[in-house]
Amino acid sequence: MNELSQGTHQENTALWKDIVLKYQNPSLPRALWQIVNTIVPYAFLWYLIYRSLAISWWLVIPLAVLAGAFLVRGIYYFP
């Protein structure tokens, strides 16, 4: 690397450090919101799955796939 690109690299690094600085500290309200908007839809999907069993298994399949996506998302919060 030449000196010009080295200086640009250092400027970019400093710029990125300033950008991500505000995300380095945890935020309790944001964390709680992420948990709520994962658990509530997951629980609602299970309710819909239970109710749709009386109608058709074909309704259960897409709901179960969607619930699976929320389950995977929830694994990140509750390892």
N, C-alpha and C. Protein backbone atom coordinates (compact mmCIF):
# COMPACT_ATOMS: atom_id res chain seq x y z
N MET A 1 0.85 -1.18 0.00
CA MET A 1 0.00 0.00 0.00
C MET A 1 0.89 1.24 0.00
N ASN A 2 0.49 2.20 -0.75
CA ASN A 2 1.26 3.44 -0.73
C ASN A 2 0.72 4.36 0.37
N GLU A 3 1.40 5.46 0.57
CA GLU A 3 1.04 6.35 1.68
C GLU A 3 -0.34 6.96 1.51
N LEU A 4 -0.71 7.24 0.26
CA LEU A 4 -2.01 7.84 0.01
C LEU A 4 -3.13 6.87 0.39
N SER A 5 -3.02 5.63 -0.04
CA SER A 5 -4.08 4.67 0.29
C SER A 5 -4.05 4.32 1.78
N GLN A 6 -2.89 4.34 2.41
CA GLN A 6 -2.78 4.09 3.85
C GLN A 6 -3.51 5.17 4.63
N GLY A 7 -3.34 6.43 4.22
CA GLY A 7 -4.04 7.54 4.88
C GLY A 7 -5.54 7.44 4.69
N THR A 8 -5.98 7.07 3.50
CA THR A 8 -7.41 6.91 3.23
C THR A 8 -7.98 5.77 4.07
N HIS A 9 -7.21 4.71 4.19
CA HIS A 9 -7.65 3.57 5.00
C HIS A 9 -7.83 3.99 6.46
N GLN A 10 -6.92 4.75 6.98
CA GLN A 10 -7.02 5.20 8.37
C GLN A 10 -8.20 6.15 8.55
N GLU A 11 -8.45 6.99 7.57
CA GLU A 11 -9.61 7.89 7.64
C GLU A 11 -10.91 7.10 7.61
N ASN A 12 -10.95 6.08 6.75
CA ASN A 12 -12.16 5.24 6.68
C ASN A 12 -12.38 4.49 7.98
N THR A 13 -11.30 3.99 8.56
CA THR A 13 -11.42 3.28 9.83
C THR A 13 -11.93 4.21 10.92
N ALA A 14 -11.41 5.41 10.98
CA ALA A 14 -11.86 6.38 11.98
C ALA A 14 -13.33 6.74 11.75
N LEU A 15 -13.71 6.89 10.50
CA LEU A 15 -15.10 7.22 10.17
C LEU A 15 -16.04 6.10 10.62
N TRP A 16 -15.67 4.85 10.33
CA TRP A 16 -16.51 3.73 10.73
C TRP A 16 -16.58 3.58 12.24
N LYS A 17 -15.50 3.85 12.92
CA LYS A 17 -15.52 3.78 14.39
C LYS A 17 -16.50 4.80 14.95
N ASP A 18 -16.56 5.98 14.37
CA ASP A 18 -17.52 6.99 14.82
C ASP A 18 -18.95 6.56 14.54
N ILE A 19 -19.16 5.89 13.41
CA ILE A 19 -20.51 5.47 13.04
C ILE A 19 -21.02 4.38 13.98
N VAL A 20 -20.19 3.39 14.28
CA VAL A 20 -20.65 2.26 15.09
C VAL A 20 -20.53 2.49 16.59
N LEU A 21 -19.99 3.61 16.99
CA LEU A 21 -19.80 3.89 18.41
C LEU A 21 -21.11 3.86 19.19
N LYS A 22 -22.19 4.39 18.59
CA LYS A 22 -23.45 4.45 19.32
C LYS A 22 -24.11 3.07 19.48
N TYR A 23 -23.65 2.07 18.73
CA TYR A 23 -24.22 0.73 18.83
C TYR A 23 -23.42 -0.18 19.75
N GLN A 24 -22.40 0.32 20.37
CA GLN A 24 -21.56 -0.53 21.22
C GLN A 24 -22.15 -0.73 22.61
N ASN A 25 -23.02 0.14 23.04
CA ASN A 25 -23.64 0.00 24.35
C ASN A 25 -25.02 -0.64 24.20
N PRO A 26 -25.36 -1.60 25.08
CA PRO A 26 -26.66 -2.24 24.98
C PRO A 26 -27.79 -1.28 25.36
N SER A 27 -28.94 -1.52 24.78
CA SER A 27 -30.12 -0.71 25.05
C SER A 27 -31.22 -1.64 25.56
N LEU A 28 -31.61 -1.48 26.81
CA LEU A 28 -32.64 -2.33 27.40
C LEU A 28 -33.99 -2.20 26.69
N PRO A 29 -34.46 -0.98 26.37
CA PRO A 29 -35.75 -0.89 25.66
C PRO A 29 -35.72 -1.58 24.29
N ARG A 30 -34.64 -1.42 23.56
CA ARG A 30 -34.55 -2.08 22.25
C ARG A 30 -34.48 -3.59 22.41
N ALA A 31 -33.77 -4.06 23.42
CA ALA A 31 -33.66 -5.51 23.66
C ALA A 31 -35.02 -6.09 24.02
N LEU A 32 -35.74 -5.41 24.91
CA LEU A 32 -37.07 -5.88 25.29
C LEU A 32 -38.02 -5.88 24.11
N TRP A 33 -37.93 -4.86 23.27
CA TRP A 33 -38.79 -4.80 22.09
C TRP A 33 -38.48 -5.97 21.15
N GLN A 34 -37.22 -6.31 20.97
CA GLN A 34 -36.86 -7.44 20.11
C GLN A 34 -37.41 -8.76 20.67
N ILE A 35 -37.37 -8.90 21.97
CA ILE A 35 -37.92 -10.12 22.58
C ILE A 35 -39.43 -10.17 22.40
N VAL A 36 -40.10 -9.05 22.64
CA VAL A 36 -41.56 -9.01 22.52
C VAL A 36 -41.99 -9.28 21.07
N ASN A 37 -41.31 -8.64 20.10
CA ASN A 37 -41.77 -8.84 18.73
C ASN A 37 -41.28 -10.15 18.13
N THR A 38 -40.69 -11.01 18.97
CA THR A 38 -40.41 -12.39 18.58
C THR A 38 -41.37 -13.35 19.27
N ILE A 39 -41.54 -13.18 20.57
CA ILE A 39 -42.36 -14.13 21.34
C ILE A 39 -43.85 -13.98 21.04
N VAL A 40 -44.34 -12.77 20.95
CA VAL A 40 -45.78 -12.57 20.72
C VAL A 40 -46.23 -13.15 19.38
N PRO A 41 -45.56 -12.85 18.26
CA PRO A 41 -45.99 -13.49 17.01
C PRO A 41 -45.84 -15.01 17.03
N TYR A 42 -44.78 -15.50 17.70
CA TYR A 42 -44.58 -16.96 17.80
C TYR A 42 -45.75 -17.60 18.54
N ALA A 43 -46.14 -17.01 19.66
CA ALA A 43 -47.26 -17.55 20.43
C ALA A 43 -48.57 -17.45 19.64
N PHE A 44 -48.76 -16.35 18.93
CA PHE A 44 -49.96 -16.17 18.11
C PHE A 44 -50.00 -17.19 16.97
N LEU A 45 -48.86 -17.47 16.37
CA LEU A 45 -48.82 -18.48 15.31
C LEU A 45 -49.16 -19.86 15.85
N TRP A 46 -48.71 -20.19 17.06
CA TRP A 46 -49.08 -21.47 17.65
C TRP A 46 -50.59 -21.54 17.91
N TYR A 47 -51.17 -20.43 18.32
CA TYR A 47 -52.62 -20.38 18.50
C TYR A 47 -53.33 -20.61 17.17
N LEU A 48 -52.84 -19.94 16.12
CA LEU A 48 -53.44 -20.13 14.80
C LEU A 48 -53.26 -21.56 14.30
N ILE A 49 -52.13 -22.16 14.57
CA ILE A 49 -51.89 -23.55 14.18
C ILE A 49 -52.90 -24.46 14.88
N TYR A 50 -53.07 -24.24 16.16
CA TYR A 50 -54.02 -25.05 16.93
C TYR A 50 -55.44 -24.91 16.37
N ARG A 51 -55.84 -23.68 16.08
CA ARG A 51 -57.19 -23.44 15.55
C ARG A 51 -57.36 -23.98 14.14
N SER A 52 -56.31 -23.92 13.33
CA SER A 52 -56.44 -24.37 11.94
C SER A 52 -56.39 -25.89 11.80
N LEU A 53 -55.98 -26.60 12.85
CA LEU A 53 -56.00 -28.06 12.79
C LEU A 53 -57.41 -28.60 12.55
N ALA A 54 -58.40 -27.90 13.06
CA ALA A 54 -59.79 -28.34 12.87
C ALA A 54 -60.28 -28.08 11.45
N ILE A 55 -59.60 -27.20 10.74
CA ILE A 55 -60.04 -26.86 9.39
C ILE A 55 -59.33 -27.70 8.33
N SER A 56 -58.00 -27.60 8.32
CA SER A 56 -57.25 -28.33 7.31
C SER A 56 -55.77 -28.36 7.67
N TRP A 57 -55.14 -29.49 7.37
CA TRP A 57 -53.70 -29.60 7.57
C TRP A 57 -52.95 -28.69 6.60
N TRP A 58 -53.56 -28.37 5.49
CA TRP A 58 -52.91 -27.50 4.49
C TRP A 58 -52.76 -26.07 5.01
N LEU A 59 -53.56 -25.69 5.96
CA LEU A 59 -53.38 -24.39 6.61
C LEU A 59 -52.27 -24.43 7.65
N VAL A 60 -52.07 -25.60 8.23
CA VAL A 60 -51.07 -25.74 9.28
C VAL A 60 -49.65 -25.62 8.72
N ILE A 61 -49.43 -26.16 7.55
CA ILE A 61 -48.07 -26.22 6.99
C ILE A 61 -47.43 -24.84 6.83
N PRO A 62 -48.06 -23.88 6.15
CA PRO A 62 -47.40 -22.57 6.04
C PRO A 62 -47.27 -21.85 7.38
N LEU A 63 -48.24 -22.06 8.26
CA LEU A 63 -48.14 -21.45 9.59
C LEU A 63 -46.98 -22.05 10.37
N ALA A 64 -46.77 -23.35 10.23
CA ALA A 64 -45.67 -24.01 10.94
C ALA A 64 -44.32 -23.55 10.39
N VAL A 65 -44.24 -23.34 9.09
CA VAL A 65 -42.99 -22.84 8.51
C VAL A 65 -42.70 -21.44 9.05
N LEU A 66 -43.71 -20.60 9.09
CA LEU A 66 -43.53 -19.25 9.62
C LEU A 66 -43.17 -19.29 11.11
N ALA A 67 -43.83 -20.17 11.86
CA ALA A 67 -43.49 -20.31 13.28
C ALA A 67 -42.06 -20.80 13.45
N GLY A 68 -41.62 -21.65 12.55
CA GLY A 68 -40.24 -22.11 12.58
C GLY A 68 -39.25 -20.98 12.39
N ALA A 69 -39.60 -20.03 11.52
CA ALA A 69 -38.73 -18.87 11.33
C ALA A 69 -38.64 -18.04 12.61
N PHE A 70 -39.75 -17.87 13.30
CA PHE A 70 -39.71 -17.14 14.57
C PHE A 70 -38.97 -17.92 15.64
N LEU A 71 -39.06 -19.24 15.58
CA LEU A 71 -38.31 -20.06 16.54
C LEU A 71 -36.81 -19.89 16.33
N VAL A 72 -36.38 -19.89 15.08
CA VAL A 72 -34.96 -19.68 14.79
C VAL A 72 -34.53 -18.30 15.27
N ARG A 73 -35.37 -17.32 15.04
CA ARG A 73 -35.05 -15.97 15.51
C ARG A 73 -34.95 -15.95 17.04
N GLY A 74 -35.83 -16.65 17.71
CA GLY A 74 -35.83 -16.69 19.17
C GLY A 74 -34.62 -17.40 19.75
N ILE A 75 -34.04 -18.32 19.00
CA ILE A 75 -32.86 -19.04 19.49
C ILE A 75 -31.71 -18.06 19.72
N TYR A 76 -31.65 -17.00 18.95
CA TYR A 76 -30.58 -16.02 19.13
C TYR A 76 -30.72 -15.27 20.45
N TYR A 77 -31.95 -15.12 20.93
CA TYR A 77 -32.17 -14.40 22.17
C TYR A 77 -32.06 -15.29 23.39
N PHE A 78 -32.37 -16.58 23.23
CA PHE A 78 -32.36 -17.51 24.35
C PHE A 78 -31.50 -18.72 24.01
N PRO A 79 -30.20 -18.54 23.98
CA PRO A 79 -29.32 -19.66 23.58
C PRO A 79 -29.28 -20.78 24.60
